[in-house]
Amino acid sequence: MSDETPRRSYNSERRREAASRNRAAVLEACRELLFQDGYHATTVRAVAERAGVSAETVYKTFGGKPGMVKALWDITLAGDDDPVPMADRPQTREILRTGELGAKLRLYAAFVRGIHERIAALFALLTQAGPEVVEVLETAERERLTGVTAFVTHLDETGALGPDADPAHLADALWALAGPQLYTQLTAGRGWSTDVYEEWLAATLTATLLPPSRRQP
């Protein structure tokens, strides 16, 4: 009896490690095939074959193609597959604990730039895929709005916003200004460098979110 618990624990750990390896292999195969063949030609079976797993494994892990693509979106946005919410990541926490408002908004602009640098190519691919990925993109936008609203709420709670500010209106403005559509238009469309985009975003957020009395001269 004394050997049973360690053996079960060991086997359970091996299964978790195998599941993690399979998940990473599937998502990497999904990324490769999406950019090689396009969304419509990328099937669960093709992804499974490239990843070296069964199609059943893909369905059990992700629920199907939309779930797999959404998981790929999430790890691309975050930069890794660690189960840590964006709000709890070091870069976000640094933004929240920074007291000087100009520095806080510059850090936020850098944070947004980093996300877009990671996600822009996948965003462009999925926006061309048609109705099949509408739900994936809409879910991603709802999640982005939640994060943006949390940041504006933080600014409001710390007294950064003016007394006449409408936090809901400002959250909508920030959601639009920091979105992937505008980033793509300015960088890919108008040839802005990501440095110029980041500087513009920081200045624009300062002018949009902060009352004149709280802006640096």
N, C-alpha and C. Protein backbone atom coordinates (compact mmCIF):
# COMPACT_ATOMS: atom_id res chain seq x y z
N MET A 1 0.82 -1.21 0.00
CA MET A 1 0.00 0.00 0.00
C MET A 1 0.86 1.27 0.00
N SER A 2 2.03 1.20 0.61
CA SER A 2 2.83 2.41 0.74
C SER A 2 3.34 2.91 -0.61
N ASP A 3 3.42 1.98 -1.62
CA ASP A 3 3.91 2.38 -2.93
C ASP A 3 2.83 2.92 -3.84
N GLU A 4 1.57 2.77 -3.48
CA GLU A 4 0.49 3.11 -4.39
C GLU A 4 0.38 4.60 -4.64
N THR A 5 0.41 5.41 -3.58
CA THR A 5 0.22 6.84 -3.74
C THR A 5 1.34 7.48 -4.57
N PRO A 6 2.63 7.19 -4.28
CA PRO A 6 3.68 7.76 -5.13
C PRO A 6 3.55 7.36 -6.58
N ARG A 7 3.16 6.09 -6.84
CA ARG A 7 3.04 5.63 -8.22
C ARG A 7 1.92 6.38 -8.94
N ARG A 8 0.79 6.51 -8.23
CA ARG A 8 -0.32 7.24 -8.85
C ARG A 8 0.05 8.69 -9.11
N SER A 9 0.77 9.30 -8.15
CA SER A 9 1.18 10.68 -8.31
C SER A 9 2.12 10.82 -9.49
N TYR A 10 3.05 9.87 -9.63
CA TYR A 10 4.01 9.89 -10.73
C TYR A 10 3.29 9.75 -12.07
N ASN A 11 2.36 8.81 -12.14
CA ASN A 11 1.63 8.60 -13.38
C ASN A 11 0.79 9.81 -13.75
N SER A 12 0.19 10.42 -12.72
CA SER A 12 -0.62 11.61 -12.96
C SER A 12 0.24 12.75 -13.50
N GLU A 13 1.45 12.91 -12.94
CA GLU A 13 2.35 13.95 -13.41
C GLU A 13 2.79 13.69 -14.85
N ARG A 14 3.05 12.43 -15.18
CA ARG A 14 3.45 12.09 -16.54
C ARG A 14 2.32 12.39 -17.52
N ARG A 15 1.08 12.13 -17.11
CA ARG A 15 -0.05 12.42 -17.99
C ARG A 15 -0.19 13.92 -18.22
N ARG A 16 0.00 14.70 -17.16
CA ARG A 16 -0.09 16.15 -17.31
C ARG A 16 1.01 16.68 -18.23
N GLU A 17 2.21 16.14 -18.08
CA GLU A 17 3.31 16.58 -18.94
C GLU A 17 3.05 16.20 -20.39
N ALA A 18 2.51 15.00 -20.60
CA ALA A 18 2.20 14.57 -21.97
C ALA A 18 1.10 15.44 -22.57
N ALA A 19 0.09 15.76 -21.76
CA ALA A 19 -1.00 16.61 -22.24
C ALA A 19 -0.48 18.00 -22.59
N SER A 20 0.45 18.52 -21.78
CA SER A 20 1.02 19.84 -22.05
C SER A 20 1.83 19.83 -23.33
N ARG A 21 2.62 18.76 -23.54
CA ARG A 21 3.40 18.66 -24.78
C ARG A 21 2.50 18.56 -26.00
N ASN A 22 1.43 17.77 -25.86
CA ASN A 22 0.49 17.62 -26.99
C ASN A 22 -0.19 18.95 -27.31
N ARG A 23 -0.58 19.67 -26.27
CA ARG A 23 -1.24 20.96 -26.47
C ARG A 23 -0.30 21.92 -27.21
N ALA A 24 0.95 21.99 -26.76
CA ALA A 24 1.91 22.89 -27.40
C ALA A 24 2.16 22.48 -28.85
N ALA A 25 2.25 21.17 -29.10
CA ALA A 25 2.48 20.68 -30.47
C ALA A 25 1.31 21.00 -31.37
N VAL A 26 0.09 20.85 -30.85
CA VAL A 26 -1.11 21.15 -31.64
C VAL A 26 -1.18 22.63 -31.99
N LEU A 27 -0.91 23.49 -31.01
CA LEU A 27 -1.00 24.92 -31.27
C LEU A 27 0.09 25.39 -32.23
N GLU A 28 1.28 24.80 -32.14
CA GLU A 28 2.34 25.16 -33.07
C GLU A 28 1.98 24.68 -34.48
N ALA A 29 1.43 23.48 -34.58
CA ALA A 29 1.00 22.97 -35.89
C ALA A 29 -0.13 23.82 -36.45
N CYS A 30 -1.04 24.24 -35.60
CA CYS A 30 -2.14 25.10 -36.03
C CYS A 30 -1.60 26.41 -36.58
N ARG A 31 -0.65 27.01 -35.88
CA ARG A 31 -0.06 28.27 -36.35
C ARG A 31 0.61 28.08 -37.72
N GLU A 32 1.41 27.02 -37.84
CA GLU A 32 2.13 26.78 -39.09
C GLU A 32 1.17 26.59 -40.26
N LEU A 33 0.12 25.81 -40.05
CA LEU A 33 -0.81 25.53 -41.14
C LEU A 33 -1.67 26.73 -41.48
N LEU A 34 -2.05 27.51 -40.49
CA LEU A 34 -2.84 28.71 -40.77
C LEU A 34 -2.08 29.65 -41.70
N PHE A 35 -0.80 29.86 -41.42
CA PHE A 35 -0.02 30.80 -42.23
C PHE A 35 0.47 30.16 -43.53
N GLN A 36 0.51 28.86 -43.56
CA GLN A 36 0.92 28.18 -44.79
C GLN A 36 -0.25 28.00 -45.76
N ASP A 37 -1.40 27.56 -45.24
CA ASP A 37 -2.51 27.17 -46.10
C ASP A 37 -3.75 28.05 -45.96
N GLY A 38 -3.81 28.90 -44.93
CA GLY A 38 -4.99 29.71 -44.71
C GLY A 38 -5.97 29.03 -43.76
N TYR A 39 -6.93 29.82 -43.29
CA TYR A 39 -7.85 29.30 -42.28
C TYR A 39 -8.71 28.15 -42.81
N HIS A 40 -9.29 28.33 -43.97
CA HIS A 40 -10.26 27.34 -44.46
C HIS A 40 -9.61 26.00 -44.78
N ALA A 41 -8.37 26.02 -45.23
CA ALA A 41 -7.68 24.77 -45.56
C ALA A 41 -7.08 24.09 -44.34
N THR A 42 -7.06 24.78 -43.23
CA THR A 42 -6.50 24.20 -42.01
C THR A 42 -7.59 23.42 -41.28
N THR A 43 -7.48 22.11 -41.31
CA THR A 43 -8.48 21.25 -40.67
C THR A 43 -7.92 20.65 -39.39
N VAL A 44 -8.83 20.20 -38.53
CA VAL A 44 -8.41 19.52 -37.30
C VAL A 44 -7.55 18.31 -37.63
N ARG A 45 -7.95 17.55 -38.63
CA ARG A 45 -7.19 16.36 -39.00
C ARG A 45 -5.78 16.72 -39.45
N ALA A 46 -5.66 17.77 -40.27
CA ALA A 46 -4.34 18.18 -40.75
C ALA A 46 -3.46 18.65 -39.60
N VAL A 47 -4.03 19.39 -38.68
CA VAL A 47 -3.29 19.86 -37.52
C VAL A 47 -2.84 18.66 -36.67
N ALA A 48 -3.75 17.73 -36.45
CA ALA A 48 -3.42 16.54 -35.65
C ALA A 48 -2.28 15.76 -36.27
N GLU A 49 -2.33 15.57 -37.58
CA GLU A 49 -1.28 14.82 -38.26
C GLU A 49 0.07 15.52 -38.12
N ARG A 50 0.09 16.84 -38.29
CA ARG A 50 1.35 17.55 -38.17
C ARG A 50 1.86 17.52 -36.73
N ALA A 51 0.96 17.57 -35.77
CA ALA A 51 1.37 17.57 -34.36
C ALA A 51 1.71 16.18 -33.84
N GLY A 52 1.35 15.15 -34.60
CA GLY A 52 1.64 13.79 -34.17
C GLY A 52 0.70 13.27 -33.11
N VAL A 53 -0.55 13.76 -33.14
CA VAL A 53 -1.57 13.29 -32.19
C VAL A 53 -2.80 12.89 -32.98
N SER A 54 -3.77 12.33 -32.29
CA SER A 54 -5.01 11.95 -32.96
C SER A 54 -5.94 13.15 -33.06
N ALA A 55 -6.84 13.10 -34.04
CA ALA A 55 -7.86 14.14 -34.13
C ALA A 55 -8.72 14.15 -32.88
N GLU A 56 -8.94 12.99 -32.30
CA GLU A 56 -9.74 12.91 -31.07
C GLU A 56 -9.09 13.70 -29.95
N THR A 57 -7.77 13.64 -29.88
CA THR A 57 -7.05 14.42 -28.86
C THR A 57 -7.29 15.91 -29.04
N VAL A 58 -7.27 16.37 -30.29
CA VAL A 58 -7.52 17.79 -30.56
C VAL A 58 -8.93 18.18 -30.13
N TYR A 59 -9.91 17.34 -30.47
CA TYR A 59 -11.29 17.65 -30.10
C TYR A 59 -11.47 17.64 -28.59
N LYS A 60 -10.84 16.68 -27.91
CA LYS A 60 -10.98 16.61 -26.45
C LYS A 60 -10.33 17.81 -25.78
N THR A 61 -9.23 18.29 -26.34
CA THR A 61 -8.49 19.39 -25.72
C THR A 61 -9.12 20.75 -26.01
N PHE A 62 -9.56 20.94 -27.26
CA PHE A 62 -10.00 22.27 -27.68
C PHE A 62 -11.46 22.36 -28.09
N GLY A 63 -12.12 21.23 -28.24
CA GLY A 63 -13.53 21.24 -28.62
C GLY A 63 -13.77 21.43 -30.10
N GLY A 64 -12.72 21.56 -30.89
CA GLY A 64 -12.89 21.76 -32.33
C GLY A 64 -12.00 22.88 -32.83
N LYS A 65 -12.16 23.19 -34.09
CA LYS A 65 -11.30 24.18 -34.75
C LYS A 65 -11.41 25.58 -34.15
N PRO A 66 -12.63 26.12 -33.90
CA PRO A 66 -12.70 27.47 -33.30
C PRO A 66 -12.01 27.55 -31.94
N GLY A 67 -12.21 26.51 -31.11
CA GLY A 67 -11.56 26.51 -29.81
C GLY A 67 -10.05 26.45 -29.92
N MET A 68 -9.56 25.70 -30.88
CA MET A 68 -8.12 25.60 -31.11
C MET A 68 -7.56 26.96 -31.55
N VAL A 69 -8.26 27.62 -32.47
CA VAL A 69 -7.81 28.93 -32.95
C VAL A 69 -7.86 29.96 -31.83
N LYS A 70 -8.89 29.91 -30.99
CA LYS A 70 -8.97 30.85 -29.87
C LYS A 70 -7.83 30.62 -28.89
N ALA A 71 -7.48 29.36 -28.64
CA ALA A 71 -6.35 29.07 -27.77
C ALA A 71 -5.06 29.60 -28.36
N LEU A 72 -4.91 29.47 -29.69
CA LEU A 72 -3.73 30.03 -30.35
C LEU A 72 -3.70 31.54 -30.22
N TRP A 73 -4.86 32.17 -30.36
CA TRP A 73 -4.96 33.63 -30.18
C TRP A 73 -4.51 34.01 -28.78
N ASP A 74 -4.98 33.29 -27.78
CA ASP A 74 -4.68 33.63 -26.38
C ASP A 74 -3.19 33.53 -26.08
N ILE A 75 -2.54 32.45 -26.54
CA ILE A 75 -1.12 32.31 -26.23
C ILE A 75 -0.28 33.29 -27.04
N THR A 76 -0.75 33.65 -28.23
CA THR A 76 -0.03 34.65 -29.03
C THR A 76 -0.13 36.01 -28.37
N LEU A 77 -1.31 36.34 -27.90
CA LEU A 77 -1.52 37.62 -27.23
C LEU A 77 -0.68 37.72 -25.97
N ALA A 78 -0.67 36.66 -25.17
CA ALA A 78 0.06 36.67 -23.90
C ALA A 78 1.55 36.50 -24.09
N GLY A 79 1.96 35.81 -25.15
CA GLY A 79 3.36 35.53 -25.37
C GLY A 79 3.81 34.19 -24.83
N ASP A 80 2.90 33.48 -24.15
CA ASP A 80 3.21 32.15 -23.63
C ASP A 80 1.90 31.46 -23.29
N ASP A 81 2.01 30.21 -22.83
CA ASP A 81 0.81 29.44 -22.50
C ASP A 81 0.66 29.26 -21.00
N ASP A 82 1.32 30.12 -20.22
CA ASP A 82 1.19 30.02 -18.77
C ASP A 82 -0.24 30.42 -18.36
N PRO A 83 -0.83 29.68 -17.42
CA PRO A 83 -2.21 29.98 -17.00
C PRO A 83 -2.28 31.16 -16.03
N VAL A 84 -1.74 32.29 -16.47
CA VAL A 84 -1.72 33.50 -15.62
C VAL A 84 -2.51 34.58 -16.33
N PRO A 85 -3.58 35.11 -15.72
CA PRO A 85 -4.37 36.17 -16.35
C PRO A 85 -3.50 37.38 -16.68
N MET A 86 -3.87 38.10 -17.73
CA MET A 86 -3.10 39.28 -18.12
C MET A 86 -3.00 40.28 -16.97
N ALA A 87 -4.06 40.38 -16.16
CA ALA A 87 -4.06 41.34 -15.06
C ALA A 87 -3.04 41.01 -13.99
N ASP A 88 -2.60 39.75 -13.94
CA ASP A 88 -1.66 39.33 -12.90
C ASP A 88 -0.22 39.19 -13.40
N ARG A 89 0.01 39.56 -14.64
CA ARG A 89 1.35 39.42 -15.20
C ARG A 89 2.23 40.60 -14.79
N PRO A 90 3.56 40.37 -14.74
CA PRO A 90 4.46 41.41 -14.22
C PRO A 90 4.33 42.76 -14.91
N GLN A 91 4.20 42.78 -16.23
CA GLN A 91 4.11 44.05 -16.95
C GLN A 91 2.86 44.82 -16.55
N THR A 92 1.74 44.10 -16.40
CA THR A 92 0.50 44.76 -16.00
C THR A 92 0.61 45.27 -14.57
N ARG A 93 1.19 44.48 -13.70
CA ARG A 93 1.31 44.90 -12.30
C ARG A 93 2.21 46.11 -12.16
N GLU A 94 3.25 46.17 -13.00
CA GLU A 94 4.12 47.35 -12.98
C GLU A 94 3.36 48.60 -13.40
N ILE A 95 2.51 48.46 -14.41
CA ILE A 95 1.69 49.60 -14.85
C ILE A 95 0.82 50.09 -13.69
N LEU A 96 0.16 49.17 -13.01
CA LEU A 96 -0.79 49.54 -11.97
C LEU A 96 -0.11 50.16 -10.76
N ARG A 97 1.09 49.73 -10.44
CA ARG A 97 1.74 50.27 -9.24
C ARG A 97 2.54 51.54 -9.51
N THR A 98 2.69 51.91 -10.79
CA THR A 98 3.41 53.15 -11.12
C THR A 98 2.53 54.35 -10.78
N GLY A 99 3.07 55.26 -10.00
CA GLY A 99 2.27 56.38 -9.52
C GLY A 99 2.22 57.56 -10.47
N GLU A 100 3.34 57.90 -11.10
CA GLU A 100 3.38 59.07 -11.98
C GLU A 100 2.57 58.78 -13.24
N LEU A 101 1.59 59.63 -13.52
CA LEU A 101 0.62 59.32 -14.57
C LEU A 101 1.22 59.26 -15.96
N GLY A 102 2.15 60.16 -16.26
CA GLY A 102 2.78 60.11 -17.56
C GLY A 102 3.52 58.80 -17.77
N ALA A 103 4.26 58.37 -16.75
CA ALA A 103 4.98 57.11 -16.83
C ALA A 103 4.02 55.93 -16.94
N LYS A 104 2.92 56.00 -16.21
CA LYS A 104 1.94 54.93 -16.24
C LYS A 104 1.37 54.75 -17.65
N LEU A 105 1.02 55.85 -18.30
CA LEU A 105 0.44 55.76 -19.64
C LEU A 105 1.49 55.37 -20.68
N ARG A 106 2.74 55.76 -20.48
CA ARG A 106 3.79 55.31 -21.39
C ARG A 106 4.00 53.80 -21.27
N LEU A 107 3.96 53.30 -20.04
CA LEU A 107 4.07 51.85 -19.83
C LEU A 107 2.89 51.13 -20.45
N TYR A 108 1.72 51.72 -20.34
CA TYR A 108 0.53 51.09 -20.92
C TYR A 108 0.64 51.06 -22.44
N ALA A 109 1.13 52.14 -23.02
CA ALA A 109 1.31 52.18 -24.48
C ALA A 109 2.31 51.13 -24.93
N ALA A 110 3.38 50.93 -24.16
CA ALA A 110 4.36 49.90 -24.50
C ALA A 110 3.75 48.51 -24.38
N PHE A 111 2.91 48.34 -23.39
CA PHE A 111 2.20 47.07 -23.20
C PHE A 111 1.30 46.76 -24.40
N VAL A 112 0.55 47.76 -24.85
CA VAL A 112 -0.34 47.59 -26.01
C VAL A 112 0.48 47.31 -27.27
N ARG A 113 1.55 48.04 -27.45
CA ARG A 113 2.42 47.80 -28.61
C ARG A 113 2.91 46.36 -28.64
N GLY A 114 3.36 45.85 -27.49
CA GLY A 114 3.87 44.49 -27.44
C GLY A 114 2.83 43.47 -27.83
N ILE A 115 1.61 43.68 -27.36
CA ILE A 115 0.52 42.77 -27.73
C ILE A 115 0.29 42.79 -29.23
N HIS A 116 0.23 43.97 -29.81
CA HIS A 116 -0.04 44.07 -31.24
C HIS A 116 1.09 43.51 -32.09
N GLU A 117 2.32 43.69 -31.64
CA GLU A 117 3.43 43.12 -32.39
C GLU A 117 3.32 41.59 -32.44
N ARG A 118 2.80 41.01 -31.37
CA ARG A 118 2.65 39.55 -31.34
C ARG A 118 1.43 39.10 -32.13
N ILE A 119 0.35 39.87 -32.07
CA ILE A 119 -0.94 39.37 -32.57
C ILE A 119 -1.29 39.88 -33.96
N ALA A 120 -0.59 40.88 -34.48
CA ALA A 120 -1.02 41.56 -35.71
C ALA A 120 -1.17 40.62 -36.90
N ALA A 121 -0.19 39.74 -37.10
CA ALA A 121 -0.25 38.85 -38.27
C ALA A 121 -1.42 37.89 -38.16
N LEU A 122 -1.64 37.35 -36.97
CA LEU A 122 -2.76 36.43 -36.77
C LEU A 122 -4.09 37.18 -36.90
N PHE A 123 -4.16 38.39 -36.39
CA PHE A 123 -5.37 39.20 -36.52
C PHE A 123 -5.70 39.43 -37.99
N ALA A 124 -4.70 39.81 -38.78
CA ALA A 124 -4.93 40.06 -40.20
C ALA A 124 -5.41 38.80 -40.90
N LEU A 125 -4.82 37.66 -40.58
CA LEU A 125 -5.23 36.40 -41.20
C LEU A 125 -6.68 36.05 -40.85
N LEU A 126 -7.03 36.19 -39.59
CA LEU A 126 -8.37 35.80 -39.15
C LEU A 126 -9.45 36.76 -39.65
N THR A 127 -9.12 38.04 -39.78
CA THR A 127 -10.13 38.98 -40.27
C THR A 127 -10.48 38.71 -41.73
N GLN A 128 -9.63 37.99 -42.43
CA GLN A 128 -9.90 37.66 -43.83
C GLN A 128 -10.57 36.30 -43.98
N ALA A 129 -10.82 35.62 -42.86
CA ALA A 129 -11.33 34.24 -42.92
C ALA A 129 -12.84 34.16 -43.05
N GLY A 130 -13.54 35.28 -42.83
CA GLY A 130 -14.99 35.26 -43.02
C GLY A 130 -15.76 34.89 -41.77
N PRO A 131 -17.03 34.51 -41.94
CA PRO A 131 -17.96 34.30 -40.82
C PRO A 131 -17.52 33.22 -39.83
N GLU A 132 -16.71 32.27 -40.27
CA GLU A 132 -16.34 31.16 -39.39
C GLU A 132 -15.58 31.62 -38.14
N VAL A 133 -14.88 32.73 -38.24
CA VAL A 133 -14.06 33.17 -37.09
C VAL A 133 -14.65 34.39 -36.40
N VAL A 134 -15.86 34.77 -36.77
CA VAL A 134 -16.48 35.94 -36.15
C VAL A 134 -16.55 35.78 -34.64
N GLU A 135 -16.97 34.61 -34.19
CA GLU A 135 -17.13 34.40 -32.74
C GLU A 135 -15.79 34.48 -32.02
N VAL A 136 -14.73 33.95 -32.65
CA VAL A 136 -13.41 34.02 -32.03
C VAL A 136 -12.98 35.47 -31.85
N LEU A 137 -13.13 36.27 -32.90
CA LEU A 137 -12.71 37.67 -32.83
C LEU A 137 -13.61 38.48 -31.91
N GLU A 138 -14.90 38.19 -31.91
CA GLU A 138 -15.81 38.92 -31.02
C GLU A 138 -15.50 38.60 -29.56
N THR A 139 -15.20 37.35 -29.27
CA THR A 139 -14.82 36.98 -27.90
C THR A 139 -13.54 37.70 -27.50
N ALA A 140 -12.57 37.74 -28.40
CA ALA A 140 -11.31 38.43 -28.12
C ALA A 140 -11.55 39.91 -27.85
N GLU A 141 -12.44 40.53 -28.60
CA GLU A 141 -12.73 41.95 -28.40
C GLU A 141 -13.47 42.19 -27.09
N ARG A 142 -14.36 41.28 -26.71
CA ARG A 142 -15.04 41.43 -25.42
C ARG A 142 -14.02 41.33 -24.28
N GLU A 143 -13.09 40.42 -24.41
CA GLU A 143 -12.06 40.28 -23.38
C GLU A 143 -11.17 41.52 -23.34
N ARG A 144 -10.87 42.07 -24.50
CA ARG A 144 -10.05 43.28 -24.54
C ARG A 144 -10.78 44.45 -23.90
N LEU A 145 -12.08 44.57 -24.15
CA LEU A 145 -12.86 45.64 -23.54
C LEU A 145 -12.89 45.49 -22.02
N THR A 146 -12.97 44.26 -21.54
CA THR A 146 -12.93 44.03 -20.09
C THR A 146 -11.61 44.53 -19.51
N GLY A 147 -10.51 44.23 -20.18
CA GLY A 147 -9.21 44.68 -19.69
C GLY A 147 -9.07 46.19 -19.75
N VAL A 148 -9.51 46.79 -20.82
CA VAL A 148 -9.46 48.24 -20.98
C VAL A 148 -10.30 48.93 -19.90
N THR A 149 -11.49 48.40 -19.67
CA THR A 149 -12.38 48.97 -18.66
C THR A 149 -11.74 48.88 -17.27
N ALA A 150 -11.08 47.77 -16.99
CA ALA A 150 -10.42 47.61 -15.70
C ALA A 150 -9.32 48.66 -15.52
N PHE A 151 -8.60 48.98 -16.60
CA PHE A 151 -7.55 49.98 -16.50
C PHE A 151 -8.13 51.37 -16.27
N VAL A 152 -9.20 51.71 -16.98
CA VAL A 152 -9.83 53.01 -16.76
C VAL A 152 -10.41 53.10 -15.36
N THR A 153 -10.98 52.01 -14.86
CA THR A 153 -11.48 51.98 -13.49
C THR A 153 -10.35 52.22 -12.50
N HIS A 154 -9.20 51.61 -12.77
CA HIS A 154 -8.02 51.84 -11.92
C HIS A 154 -7.64 53.32 -11.92
N LEU A 155 -7.61 53.95 -13.10
CA LEU A 155 -7.29 55.38 -13.17
C LEU A 155 -8.30 56.20 -12.38
N ASP A 156 -9.57 55.83 -12.49
CA ASP A 156 -10.62 56.56 -11.78
C ASP A 156 -10.46 56.41 -10.28
N GLU A 157 -10.21 55.19 -9.83
CA GLU A 157 -10.10 54.91 -8.40
C GLU A 157 -8.87 55.56 -7.77
N THR A 158 -7.85 55.79 -8.57
CA THR A 158 -6.64 56.43 -8.04
C THR A 158 -6.68 57.95 -8.21
N GLY A 159 -7.79 58.48 -8.71
CA GLY A 159 -7.96 59.93 -8.81
C GLY A 159 -7.31 60.55 -10.02
N ALA A 160 -6.94 59.74 -11.01
CA ALA A 160 -6.27 60.29 -12.19
C ALA A 160 -7.22 61.02 -13.12
N LEU A 161 -8.46 60.57 -13.18
CA LEU A 161 -9.44 61.18 -14.07
C LEU A 161 -10.02 62.44 -13.44
N GLY A 162 -10.47 63.32 -14.26
CA GLY A 162 -11.06 64.55 -13.75
C GLY A 162 -12.41 64.31 -13.09
N PRO A 163 -12.90 65.28 -12.32
CA PRO A 163 -14.17 65.10 -11.61
C PRO A 163 -15.36 64.97 -12.54
N ASP A 164 -15.26 65.49 -13.73
CA ASP A 164 -16.37 65.41 -14.69
C ASP A 164 -16.21 64.27 -15.69
N ALA A 165 -15.23 63.42 -15.48
CA ALA A 165 -14.95 62.34 -16.44
C ALA A 165 -16.06 61.30 -16.42
N ASP A 166 -16.31 60.72 -17.57
CA ASP A 166 -17.25 59.61 -17.72
C ASP A 166 -16.41 58.35 -17.99
N PRO A 167 -16.18 57.52 -16.96
CA PRO A 167 -15.30 56.36 -17.15
C PRO A 167 -15.76 55.42 -18.25
N ALA A 168 -17.05 55.23 -18.42
CA ALA A 168 -17.55 54.33 -19.47
C ALA A 168 -17.20 54.89 -20.85
N HIS A 169 -17.38 56.20 -21.01
CA HIS A 169 -17.04 56.84 -22.29
C HIS A 169 -15.55 56.75 -22.55
N LEU A 170 -14.73 56.97 -21.52
CA LEU A 170 -13.29 56.91 -21.68
C LEU A 170 -12.82 55.48 -21.97
N ALA A 171 -13.49 54.50 -21.38
CA ALA A 171 -13.14 53.11 -21.68
C ALA A 171 -13.40 52.79 -23.15
N ASP A 172 -14.52 53.29 -23.67
CA ASP A 172 -14.81 53.09 -25.09
C ASP A 172 -13.75 53.76 -25.97
N ALA A 173 -13.33 54.96 -25.57
CA ALA A 173 -12.31 55.67 -26.35
C ALA A 173 -10.99 54.92 -26.33
N LEU A 174 -10.61 54.43 -25.16
CA LEU A 174 -9.36 53.68 -25.05
C LEU A 174 -9.44 52.38 -25.83
N TRP A 175 -10.58 51.72 -25.77
CA TRP A 175 -10.79 50.48 -26.52
C TRP A 175 -10.57 50.72 -28.02
N ALA A 176 -11.08 51.84 -28.53
CA ALA A 176 -10.92 52.15 -29.95
C ALA A 176 -9.49 52.54 -30.29
N LEU A 177 -8.89 53.39 -29.47
CA LEU A 177 -7.55 53.90 -29.75
C LEU A 177 -6.48 52.80 -29.67
N ALA A 178 -6.67 51.85 -28.76
CA ALA A 178 -5.66 50.82 -28.53
C ALA A 178 -5.98 49.51 -29.24
N GLY A 179 -6.90 49.53 -30.19
CA GLY A 179 -7.33 48.31 -30.85
C GLY A 179 -6.41 47.85 -31.96
N PRO A 180 -6.52 46.59 -32.34
CA PRO A 180 -5.67 46.04 -33.41
C PRO A 180 -5.96 46.64 -34.78
N GLN A 181 -7.21 47.09 -34.98
CA GLN A 181 -7.54 47.68 -36.28
C GLN A 181 -6.72 48.95 -36.52
N LEU A 182 -6.70 49.84 -35.53
CA LEU A 182 -5.98 51.11 -35.70
C LEU A 182 -4.47 50.87 -35.76
N TYR A 183 -3.97 49.95 -34.95
CA TYR A 183 -2.55 49.61 -35.01
C TYR A 183 -2.17 49.15 -36.42
N THR A 184 -2.98 48.27 -37.00
CA THR A 184 -2.71 47.75 -38.33
C THR A 184 -2.78 48.86 -39.38
N GLN A 185 -3.78 49.74 -39.27
CA GLN A 185 -3.92 50.83 -40.22
C GLN A 185 -2.70 51.76 -40.19
N LEU A 186 -2.21 52.05 -39.00
CA LEU A 186 -1.11 53.01 -38.87
C LEU A 186 0.24 52.40 -39.22
N THR A 187 0.45 51.13 -38.88
CA THR A 187 1.75 50.50 -39.14
C THR A 187 1.78 49.89 -40.55
N ALA A 188 0.96 48.89 -40.78
CA ALA A 188 0.96 48.24 -42.10
C ALA A 188 0.40 49.17 -43.18
N GLY A 189 -0.63 49.95 -42.82
CA GLY A 189 -1.29 50.80 -43.81
C GLY A 189 -0.55 52.09 -44.11
N ARG A 190 -0.08 52.76 -43.06
CA ARG A 190 0.55 54.07 -43.24
C ARG A 190 2.05 54.06 -43.04
N GLY A 191 2.61 52.90 -42.73
CA GLY A 191 4.05 52.78 -42.64
C GLY A 191 4.69 53.31 -41.37
N TRP A 192 3.89 53.51 -40.32
CA TRP A 192 4.47 53.95 -39.05
C TRP A 192 5.34 52.85 -38.48
N SER A 193 6.44 53.23 -37.86
CA SER A 193 7.22 52.25 -37.10
C SER A 193 6.49 51.99 -35.78
N THR A 194 6.83 50.88 -35.14
CA THR A 194 6.18 50.58 -33.86
C THR A 194 6.61 51.56 -32.78
N ASP A 195 7.82 52.13 -32.91
CA ASP A 195 8.26 53.16 -31.97
C ASP A 195 7.37 54.39 -32.09
N VAL A 196 7.13 54.82 -33.32
CA VAL A 196 6.27 56.00 -33.55
C VAL A 196 4.87 55.71 -33.06
N TYR A 197 4.35 54.52 -33.32
CA TYR A 197 3.01 54.16 -32.84
C TYR A 197 2.95 54.25 -31.32
N GLU A 198 3.93 53.70 -30.65
CA GLU A 198 3.92 53.72 -29.18
C GLU A 198 3.95 55.14 -28.63
N GLU A 199 4.80 55.98 -29.21
CA GLU A 199 4.87 57.38 -28.76
C GLU A 199 3.55 58.09 -29.01
N TRP A 200 2.97 57.87 -30.18
CA TRP A 200 1.68 58.50 -30.50
C TRP A 200 0.60 58.02 -29.53
N LEU A 201 0.57 56.72 -29.26
CA LEU A 201 -0.47 56.20 -28.38
C LEU A 201 -0.34 56.78 -26.98
N ALA A 202 0.87 56.85 -26.46
CA ALA A 202 1.07 57.42 -25.12
C ALA A 202 0.60 58.86 -25.06
N ALA A 203 0.96 59.65 -26.07
CA ALA A 203 0.55 61.06 -26.10
C ALA A 203 -0.96 61.19 -26.26
N THR A 204 -1.55 60.35 -27.10
CA THR A 204 -2.99 60.43 -27.35
C THR A 204 -3.78 59.99 -26.12
N LEU A 205 -3.31 58.96 -25.43
CA LEU A 205 -4.00 58.52 -24.22
C LEU A 205 -3.90 59.59 -23.13
N THR A 206 -2.76 60.24 -23.04
CA THR A 206 -2.62 61.32 -22.05
C THR A 206 -3.62 62.44 -22.33
N ALA A 207 -3.74 62.83 -23.60
CA ALA A 207 -4.66 63.90 -23.97
C ALA A 207 -6.12 63.47 -23.82
N THR A 208 -6.40 62.19 -24.01
CA THR A 208 -7.78 61.71 -23.99
C THR A 208 -8.27 61.40 -22.58
N LEU A 209 -7.41 60.80 -21.77
CA LEU A 209 -7.84 60.29 -20.48
C LEU A 209 -7.65 61.27 -19.32
N LEU A 210 -6.64 62.11 -19.41
CA LEU A 210 -6.32 62.96 -18.28
C LEU A 210 -6.82 64.39 -18.48
N PRO A 211 -7.32 65.02 -17.43
CA PRO A 211 -7.69 66.43 -17.54
C PRO A 211 -6.43 67.28 -17.68
N PRO A 212 -6.55 68.49 -18.24
CA PRO A 212 -5.37 69.33 -18.45
C PRO A 212 -4.51 69.53 -17.21
N SER A 213 -5.13 69.60 -16.04
CA SER A 213 -4.38 69.84 -14.81
C SER A 213 -3.47 68.70 -14.43
N ARG A 214 -3.72 67.50 -14.99
CA ARG A 214 -2.93 66.33 -14.63
C ARG A 214 -1.96 65.92 -15.74
N ARG A 215 -1.89 66.71 -16.80
CA ARG A 215 -0.95 66.41 -17.88
C ARG A 215 0.36 67.15 -17.62
N GLN A 216 1.45 66.51 -17.94
CA GLN A 216 2.74 67.17 -17.80
C GLN A 216 2.88 68.25 -18.87
N PRO A 217 3.49 69.37 -18.54
CA PRO A 217 3.68 70.42 -19.56
C PRO A 217 4.62 69.95 -20.65
